[in-house]
Amino acid sequence: MDAVVFDLDGVLVGSEQTWDEVRRAVVAEQGGHWTDEATRAMQGMSTPEWARYLVDELGVGLTPERVAEVVIEEMAKHYEDGPPVLPGAEQTVRAVAERYPVAIASSSPPVLIKAFLEATNLTGVVPVAVSSEQVAAGKPAPDVYLKATELLGVQAKDCAAVEDTTNGLRAALAAGMSVYAVPNPHFPPDPAVLAQVTAVLGELRELVAAL
């Protein structure tokens, strides 16, 4: 194992539900129509991708650029008192970093990744943090994981990824990584995808022993 790359939302920060609530509110306020598949479809998408989805698929009456601004501004408000760091997240990252180089590969915009790193004092512990805004395609494409491992100077196939949702798991698997799943209780991953991972953990704290 040459490195460990963490997803952010749903793995280190309990924000998947907040993203969902904020997007639902924007869709309702801007004349769109939410669909049953919208939540899972957008999990893992980059900012340009989900903004376009809200406009093209859900009928939000704003430009994709503006809808991205509105949603991220609202998410930033939720982070004003500190991001909702999940139990054991900071400690697990620190423990893993004692043994391996670590990175974050997230669909969150850079401003929210930075907020997490600063709130947990992990900026110096996590040398690489990549947003899918910075690559060609969001999850389930492997781009964000491939970029993170490239910046660490290692091969993705020699690294582990830690993920919680279907599209995130697919992205890490597509990158050829060993994948450790911490299934999101609110948005359980597809069992067929979950069956392909290296290990399924009951909680993030189990990662150190699993590695």
C-alpha atoms as a PDB file:
ATOM      1  CA  MET A   1       0.000   0.000   0.000  1.00  0.00           C
ATOM      2  CA  ASP A   2       1.564   3.284  -1.108  1.00  0.00           C
ATOM      3  CA  ALA A   3      -1.133   5.765  -0.021  1.00  0.00           C
ATOM      4  CA  VAL A   4      -4.711   6.148   1.216  1.00  0.00           C
ATOM      5  CA  VAL A   5      -7.196   8.529  -0.405  1.00  0.00           C
ATOM      6  CA  PHE A   6     -10.324   9.581   1.448  1.00  0.00           C
ATOM      7  CA  ASP A   7     -13.618  10.779   0.060  1.00  0.00           C
ATOM      8  CA  LEU A   8     -14.964  13.742   2.053  1.00  0.00           C
ATOM      9  CA  ASP A   9     -18.767  13.919   2.045  1.00  0.00           C
ATOM     10  CA  GLY A  10     -20.256  10.989   3.921  1.00  0.00           C
ATOM     11  CA  VAL A  11     -16.838   9.633   4.966  1.00  0.00           C
ATOM     12  CA  LEU A  12     -15.218  12.471   6.902  1.00  0.00           C
ATOM     13  CA  VAL A  13     -18.057  15.001   6.953  1.00  0.00           C
ATOM     14  CA  GLY A  14     -21.746  14.250   7.504  1.00  0.00           C
ATOM     15  CA  SER A  15     -22.863  16.473   4.669  1.00  0.00           C
ATOM     16  CA  GLU A  16     -24.611  14.226   2.142  1.00  0.00           C
ATOM     17  CA  GLN A  17     -28.018  14.988   3.661  1.00  0.00           C
ATOM     18  CA  THR A  18     -27.243  18.720   3.755  1.00  0.00           C
ATOM     19  CA  TRP A  19     -26.293  18.749   0.060  1.00  0.00           C
ATOM     20  CA  ASP A  20     -29.558  16.962  -0.673  1.00  0.00           C
ATOM     21  CA  GLU A  21     -31.663  19.358   1.403  1.00  0.00           C
ATOM     22  CA  VAL A  22     -30.033  22.458  -0.100  1.00  0.00           C
ATOM     23  CA  ARG A  23     -30.445  21.255  -3.678  1.00  0.00           C
ATOM     24  CA  ARG A  24     -34.070  20.250  -3.049  1.00  0.00           C
ATOM     25  CA  ALA A  25     -34.799  23.712  -1.647  1.00  0.00           C
ATOM     26  CA  VAL A  26     -33.200  25.461  -4.624  1.00  0.00           C
ATOM     27  CA  VAL A  27     -35.141  23.284  -7.059  1.00  0.00           C
ATOM     28  CA  ALA A  28     -38.412  24.106  -5.269  1.00  0.00           C
ATOM     29  CA  GLU A  29     -37.635  27.833  -5.078  1.00  0.00           C
ATOM     30  CA  GLN A  30     -36.624  28.100  -8.731  1.00  0.00           C
ATOM     31  CA  GLY A  31     -39.569  26.312 -10.328  1.00  0.00           C
ATOM     32  CA  GLY A  32     -37.991  22.901 -10.824  1.00  0.00           C
ATOM     33  CA  HIS A  33     -39.313  19.420 -10.097  1.00  0.00           C
ATOM     34  CA  TRP A  34     -37.407  16.926  -7.949  1.00  0.00           C
ATOM     35  CA  THR A  35     -37.321  13.304  -9.109  1.00  0.00           C
ATOM     36  CA  ASP A  36     -36.842  10.040  -7.238  1.00  0.00           C
ATOM     37  CA  GLU A  37     -33.506   9.344  -8.901  1.00  0.00           C
ATOM     38  CA  ALA A  38     -32.043  12.855  -8.528  1.00  0.00           C
ATOM     39  CA  THR A  39     -30.256  12.348  -5.198  1.00  0.00           C
ATOM     40  CA  ARG A  40     -28.285   9.267  -6.208  1.00  0.00           C
ATOM     41  CA  ALA A  41     -27.655  10.605  -9.705  1.00  0.00           C
ATOM     42  CA  MET A  42     -25.889  13.694  -8.361  1.00  0.00           C
ATOM     43  CA  GLN A  43     -23.792  11.973  -5.696  1.00  0.00           C
ATOM     44  CA  GLY A  44     -20.221  12.247  -6.899  1.00  0.00           C
ATOM     45  CA  MET A  45     -20.906  14.732  -9.675  1.00  0.00           C
ATOM     46  CA  SER A  46     -18.582  17.705  -9.988  1.00  0.00           C
ATOM     47  CA  THR A  47     -19.996  21.183  -9.436  1.00  0.00           C
ATOM     48  CA  PRO A  48     -20.455  21.916 -13.181  1.00  0.00           C
ATOM     49  CA  GLU A  49     -22.097  18.511 -13.658  1.00  0.00           C
ATOM     50  CA  TRP A  50     -24.678  18.755 -10.883  1.00  0.00           C
ATOM     51  CA  ALA A  51     -25.403  22.397 -11.694  1.00  0.00           C
ATOM     52  CA  ARG A  52     -26.166  21.402 -15.288  1.00  0.00           C
ATOM     53  CA  TYR A  53     -28.271  18.486 -14.018  1.00  0.00           C
ATOM     54  CA  LEU A  54     -30.386  20.817 -11.860  1.00  0.00           C
ATOM     55  CA  VAL A  55     -31.086  22.994 -14.890  1.00  0.00           C
ATOM     56  CA  ASP A  56     -31.429  20.418 -17.676  1.00  0.00           C
ATOM     57  CA  GLU A  57     -33.026  17.524 -15.808  1.00  0.00           C
ATOM     58  CA  LEU A  58     -34.884  19.176 -12.917  1.00  0.00           C
ATOM     59  CA  GLY A  59     -35.919  22.424 -14.578  1.00  0.00           C
ATOM     60  CA  VAL A  60     -34.278  25.000 -12.300  1.00  0.00           C
ATOM     61  CA  GLY A  61     -34.822  28.448 -13.805  1.00  0.00           C
ATOM     62  CA  LEU A  62     -31.253  29.695 -13.444  1.00  0.00           C
ATOM     63  CA  THR A  63     -28.071  29.334 -15.456  1.00  0.00           C
ATOM     64  CA  PRO A  64     -25.838  26.448 -14.338  1.00  0.00           C
ATOM     65  CA  GLU A  65     -23.249  28.977 -13.194  1.00  0.00           C
ATOM     66  CA  ARG A  66     -25.746  30.810 -11.025  1.00  0.00           C
ATOM     67  CA  VAL A  67     -27.323  27.682  -9.568  1.00  0.00           C
ATOM     68  CA  ALA A  68     -23.836  26.498  -8.556  1.00  0.00           C
ATOM     69  CA  GLU A  69     -23.210  29.798  -6.785  1.00  0.00           C
ATOM     70  CA  VAL A  70     -26.543  29.647  -4.956  1.00  0.00           C
ATOM     71  CA  VAL A  71     -26.090  26.071  -3.748  1.00  0.00           C
ATOM     72  CA  ILE A  72     -22.454  26.520  -2.661  1.00  0.00           C
ATOM     73  CA  GLU A  73     -23.273  29.796  -0.881  1.00  0.00           C
ATOM     74  CA  GLU A  74     -25.990  27.996   1.064  1.00  0.00           C
ATOM     75  CA  MET A  75     -23.658  25.098   1.881  1.00  0.00           C
ATOM     76  CA  ALA A  76     -21.039  27.581   3.090  1.00  0.00           C
ATOM     77  CA  LYS A  77     -23.622  29.011   5.514  1.00  0.00           C
ATOM     78  CA  HIS A  78     -24.076  25.536   6.989  1.00  0.00           C
ATOM     79  CA  TYR A  79     -20.308  25.375   7.465  1.00  0.00           C
ATOM     80  CA  GLU A  80     -20.030  28.765   9.200  1.00  0.00           C
ATOM     81  CA  ASP A  81     -19.953  27.207  12.662  1.00  0.00           C
ATOM     82  CA  GLY A  82     -17.672  24.452  11.413  1.00  0.00           C
ATOM     83  CA  PRO A  83     -18.293  21.533   9.067  1.00  0.00           C
ATOM     84  CA  PRO A  84     -20.221  18.537  10.474  1.00  0.00           C
ATOM     85  CA  VAL A  85     -17.135  16.377  11.022  1.00  0.00           C
ATOM     86  CA  LEU A  86     -18.118  12.737  11.546  1.00  0.00           C
ATOM     87  CA  PRO A  87     -17.114  10.886  14.727  1.00  0.00           C
ATOM     88  CA  GLY A  88     -13.585   9.538  14.519  1.00  0.00           C
ATOM     89  CA  ALA A  89     -12.829  11.237  11.208  1.00  0.00           C
ATOM     90  CA  GLU A  90      -9.972  13.465  12.323  1.00  0.00           C
ATOM     91  CA  GLN A  91      -8.419  10.774  14.484  1.00  0.00           C
ATOM     92  CA  THR A  92      -8.625   8.174  11.716  1.00  0.00           C
ATOM     93  CA  VAL A  93      -6.970  10.432   9.157  1.00  0.00           C
ATOM     94  CA  ARG A  94      -4.171  11.209  11.605  1.00  0.00           C
ATOM     95  CA  ALA A  95      -3.669   7.538  12.466  1.00  0.00           C
ATOM     96  CA  VAL A  96      -3.561   6.498   8.812  1.00  0.00           C
ATOM     97  CA  ALA A  97      -1.201   9.383   7.993  1.00  0.00           C
ATOM     98  CA  GLU A  98       1.306   8.023  10.488  1.00  0.00           C
ATOM     99  CA  ARG A  99       1.704   4.986   8.216  1.00  0.00           C
ATOM    100  CA  TYR A 100       0.869   6.188   4.709  1.00  0.00           C
ATOM    101  CA  PRO A 101       0.700   9.385   2.651  1.00  0.00           C
ATOM    102  CA  VAL A 102      -2.946  10.515   2.589  1.00  0.00           C
ATOM    103  CA  ALA A 103      -5.093  12.615   0.275  1.00  0.00           C
ATOM    104  CA  ILE A 104      -8.686  13.725  -0.205  1.00  0.00           C
ATOM    105  CA  ALA A 105     -10.540  13.193  -3.489  1.00  0.00           C
ATOM    106  CA  SER A 106     -13.920  14.881  -3.241  1.00  0.00           C
ATOM    107  CA  SER A 107     -16.832  16.167  -5.242  1.00  0.00           C
ATOM    108  CA  SER A 108     -17.082  19.132  -2.885  1.00  0.00           C
ATOM    109  CA  PRO A 109     -15.783  22.477  -4.160  1.00  0.00           C
ATOM    110  CA  PRO A 110     -12.325  23.521  -2.930  1.00  0.00           C
ATOM    111  CA  VAL A 111     -13.752  26.077  -0.476  1.00  0.00           C
ATOM    112  CA  LEU A 112     -15.578  23.347   1.486  1.00  0.00           C
ATOM    113  CA  ILE A 113     -12.625  20.955   1.408  1.00  0.00           C
ATOM    114  CA  LYS A 114     -10.474  23.762   2.801  1.00  0.00           C
ATOM    115  CA  ALA A 115     -13.057  24.442   5.523  1.00  0.00           C
ATOM    116  CA  PHE A 116     -12.828  20.829   6.668  1.00  0.00           C
ATOM    117  CA  LEU A 117      -9.025  20.778   6.687  1.00  0.00           C
ATOM    118  CA  GLU A 118      -8.818  24.022   8.629  1.00  0.00           C
ATOM    119  CA  ALA A 119     -11.504  23.061  11.153  1.00  0.00           C
ATOM    120  CA  THR A 120      -9.717  19.793  11.952  1.00  0.00           C
ATOM    121  CA  ASN A 121      -6.162  21.184  11.746  1.00  0.00           C
ATOM    122  CA  LEU A 122      -5.405  18.568   9.090  1.00  0.00           C
ATOM    123  CA  THR A 123      -3.998  20.947   6.484  1.00  0.00           C
ATOM    124  CA  GLY A 124      -0.437  19.882   7.242  1.00  0.00           C
ATOM    125  CA  VAL A 125      -1.383  16.209   7.529  1.00  0.00           C
ATOM    126  CA  VAL A 126      -3.161  15.953   4.164  1.00  0.00           C
ATOM    127  CA  PRO A 127      -0.737  17.219   1.493  1.00  0.00           C
ATOM    128  CA  VAL A 128      -3.076  16.619  -1.446  1.00  0.00           C
ATOM    129  CA  ALA A 129      -6.766  17.537  -1.705  1.00  0.00           C
ATOM    130  CA  VAL A 130      -8.464  17.390  -5.094  1.00  0.00           C
ATOM    131  CA  SER A 131     -11.962  18.566  -5.993  1.00  0.00           C
ATOM    132  CA  SER A 132     -13.695  17.064  -8.993  1.00  0.00           C
ATOM    133  CA  GLU A 133     -14.039  20.678 -10.165  1.00  0.00           C
ATOM    134  CA  GLN A 134     -10.348  20.406 -10.971  1.00  0.00           C
ATOM    135  CA  VAL A 135     -10.610  17.379 -13.270  1.00  0.00           C
ATOM    136  CA  ALA A 136     -12.488  16.531 -16.458  1.00  0.00           C
ATOM    137  CA  ALA A 137     -15.290  14.473 -14.914  1.00  0.00           C
ATOM    138  CA  GLY A 138     -16.770  13.805 -11.501  1.00  0.00           C
ATOM    139  CA  LYS A 139     -17.496  10.437  -9.924  1.00  0.00           C
ATOM    140  CA  PRO A 140     -18.278   7.706 -11.026  1.00  0.00           C
ATOM    141  CA  ALA A 141     -15.439   8.568 -13.433  1.00  0.00           C
ATOM    142  CA  PRO A 142     -12.056   7.811 -11.811  1.00  0.00           C
ATOM    143  CA  ASP A 143     -10.507  11.196 -12.678  1.00  0.00           C
ATOM    144  CA  VAL A 144     -10.428  12.725  -9.198  1.00  0.00           C
ATOM    145  CA  TYR A 145      -8.759   9.622  -7.727  1.00  0.00           C
ATOM    146  CA  LEU A 146      -6.250   9.390 -10.546  1.00  0.00           C
ATOM    147  CA  LYS A 147      -5.360  13.060 -10.055  1.00  0.00           C
ATOM    148  CA  ALA A 148      -4.958  12.679  -6.306  1.00  0.00           C
ATOM    149  CA  THR A 149      -2.627   9.687  -6.626  1.00  0.00           C
ATOM    150  CA  GLU A 150      -0.696  11.431  -9.405  1.00  0.00           C
ATOM    151  CA  LEU A 151      -0.089  14.419  -7.128  1.00  0.00           C
ATOM    152  CA  LEU A 152       1.044  12.044  -4.378  1.00  0.00           C
ATOM    153  CA  GLY A 153       3.492  10.525  -6.859  1.00  0.00           C
ATOM    154  CA  VAL A 154       2.078   6.994  -6.656  1.00  0.00           C
ATOM    155  CA  GLN A 155       0.095   4.607  -8.853  1.00  0.00           C
ATOM    156  CA  ALA A 156      -3.629   4.335  -8.130  1.00  0.00           C
ATOM    157  CA  LYS A 157      -3.476   0.533  -8.303  1.00  0.00           C
ATOM    158  CA  ASP A 158      -1.109   0.579  -5.338  1.00  0.00           C
ATOM    159  CA  CYS A 159      -3.400   2.735  -3.177  1.00  0.00           C
ATOM    160  CA  ALA A 160      -6.537   2.435  -1.094  1.00  0.00           C
ATOM    161  CA  ALA A 161      -9.670   4.549  -1.364  1.00  0.00           C
ATOM    162  CA  VAL A 162     -12.293   5.099   1.332  1.00  0.00           C
ATOM    163  CA  GLU A 163     -15.831   5.687   0.035  1.00  0.00           C
ATOM    164  CA  ASP A 164     -19.472   5.585   1.102  1.00  0.00           C
ATOM    165  CA  THR A 165     -21.818   5.874  -1.912  1.00  0.00           C
ATOM    166  CA  THR A 166     -22.376   3.970  -5.138  1.00  0.00           C
ATOM    167  CA  ASN A 167     -20.835   6.530  -7.481  1.00  0.00           C
ATOM    168  CA  GLY A 168     -17.845   7.047  -5.205  1.00  0.00           C
ATOM    169  CA  LEU A 169     -17.217   3.323  -4.986  1.00  0.00           C
ATOM    170  CA  ARG A 170     -17.488   3.044  -8.757  1.00  0.00           C
ATOM    171  CA  ALA A 171     -14.962   5.846  -9.219  1.00  0.00           C
ATOM    172  CA  ALA A 172     -12.389   4.232  -6.945  1.00  0.00           C
ATOM    173  CA  LEU A 173     -12.918   0.804  -8.488  1.00  0.00           C
ATOM    174  CA  ALA A 174     -12.530   2.301 -11.969  1.00  0.00           C
ATOM    175  CA  ALA A 175      -9.216   3.796 -10.840  1.00  0.00           C
ATOM    176  CA  GLY A 176      -8.042   0.281  -9.967  1.00  0.00           C
ATOM    177  CA  MET A 177      -7.694   0.979  -6.260  1.00  0.00           C
ATOM    178  CA  SER A 178      -8.269  -1.210  -3.226  1.00  0.00           C
ATOM    179  CA  VAL A 179     -11.601   0.119  -2.000  1.00  0.00           C
ATOM    180  CA  TYR A 180     -12.752   0.267   1.611  1.00  0.00           C
ATOM    181  CA  ALA A 181     -16.457   0.999   1.903  1.00  0.00           C
ATOM    182  CA  VAL A 182     -18.095   2.731   4.830  1.00  0.00           C
ATOM    183  CA  PRO A 183     -21.692   2.500   3.569  1.00  0.00           C
ATOM    184  CA  ASN A 184     -23.704   5.685   3.932  1.00  0.00           C
ATOM    185  CA  PRO A 185     -26.676   4.830   6.192  1.00  0.00           C
ATOM    186  CA  HIS A 186     -28.872   7.464   4.569  1.00  0.00           C
ATOM    187  CA  PHE A 187     -28.008   6.552   0.969  1.00  0.00           C
ATOM    188  CA  PRO A 188     -26.941   2.873   1.028  1.00  0.00           C
ATOM    189  CA  PRO A 189     -24.743   1.884  -1.925  1.00  0.00           C
ATOM    190  CA  ASP A 190     -25.806  -0.575  -4.607  1.00  0.00           C
ATOM    191  CA  PRO A 191     -25.205  -4.104  -3.246  1.00  0.00           C
ATOM    192  CA  ALA A 192     -23.754  -5.206  -6.600  1.00  0.00           C
ATOM    193  CA  VAL A 193     -21.138  -2.454  -6.407  1.00  0.00           C
ATOM    194  CA  LEU A 194     -20.508  -3.074  -2.721  1.00  0.00           C
ATOM    195  CA  ALA A 195     -19.750  -6.720  -3.536  1.00  0.00           C
ATOM    196  CA  GLN A 196     -16.708  -5.598  -5.555  1.00  0.00           C
ATOM    197  CA  VAL A 197     -14.863  -3.743  -2.795  1.00  0.00           C
ATOM    198  CA  THR A 198     -11.898  -4.939  -0.753  1.00  0.00           C
ATOM    199  CA  ALA A 199     -13.673  -4.606   2.587  1.00  0.00           C
ATOM    200  CA  VAL A 200     -16.911  -3.230   4.045  1.00  0.00           C
ATOM    201  CA  LEU A 201     -16.485  -1.387   7.338  1.00  0.00           C
ATOM    202  CA  GLY A 202     -19.114  -0.782   9.979  1.00  0.00           C
ATOM    203  CA  GLU A 203     -17.586   2.602  10.776  1.00  0.00           C
ATOM    204  CA  LEU A 204     -14.586   4.683   9.759  1.00  0.00           C
ATOM    205  CA  ARG A 205     -12.674   3.886  12.971  1.00  0.00           C
ATOM    206  CA  GLU A 206     -12.251   0.302  11.707  1.00  0.00           C
ATOM    207  CA  LEU A 207     -10.091   1.479   8.799  1.00  0.00           C
ATOM    208  CA  VAL A 208      -6.736   1.504  10.595  1.00  0.00           C
ATOM    209  CA  ALA A 209      -7.053  -2.155  11.576  1.00  0.00           C
ATOM    210  CA  ALA A 210      -8.438  -3.105   8.142  1.00  0.00           C
ATOM    211  CA  LEU A 211      -5.450  -1.595   6.346  1.00  0.00           C
END
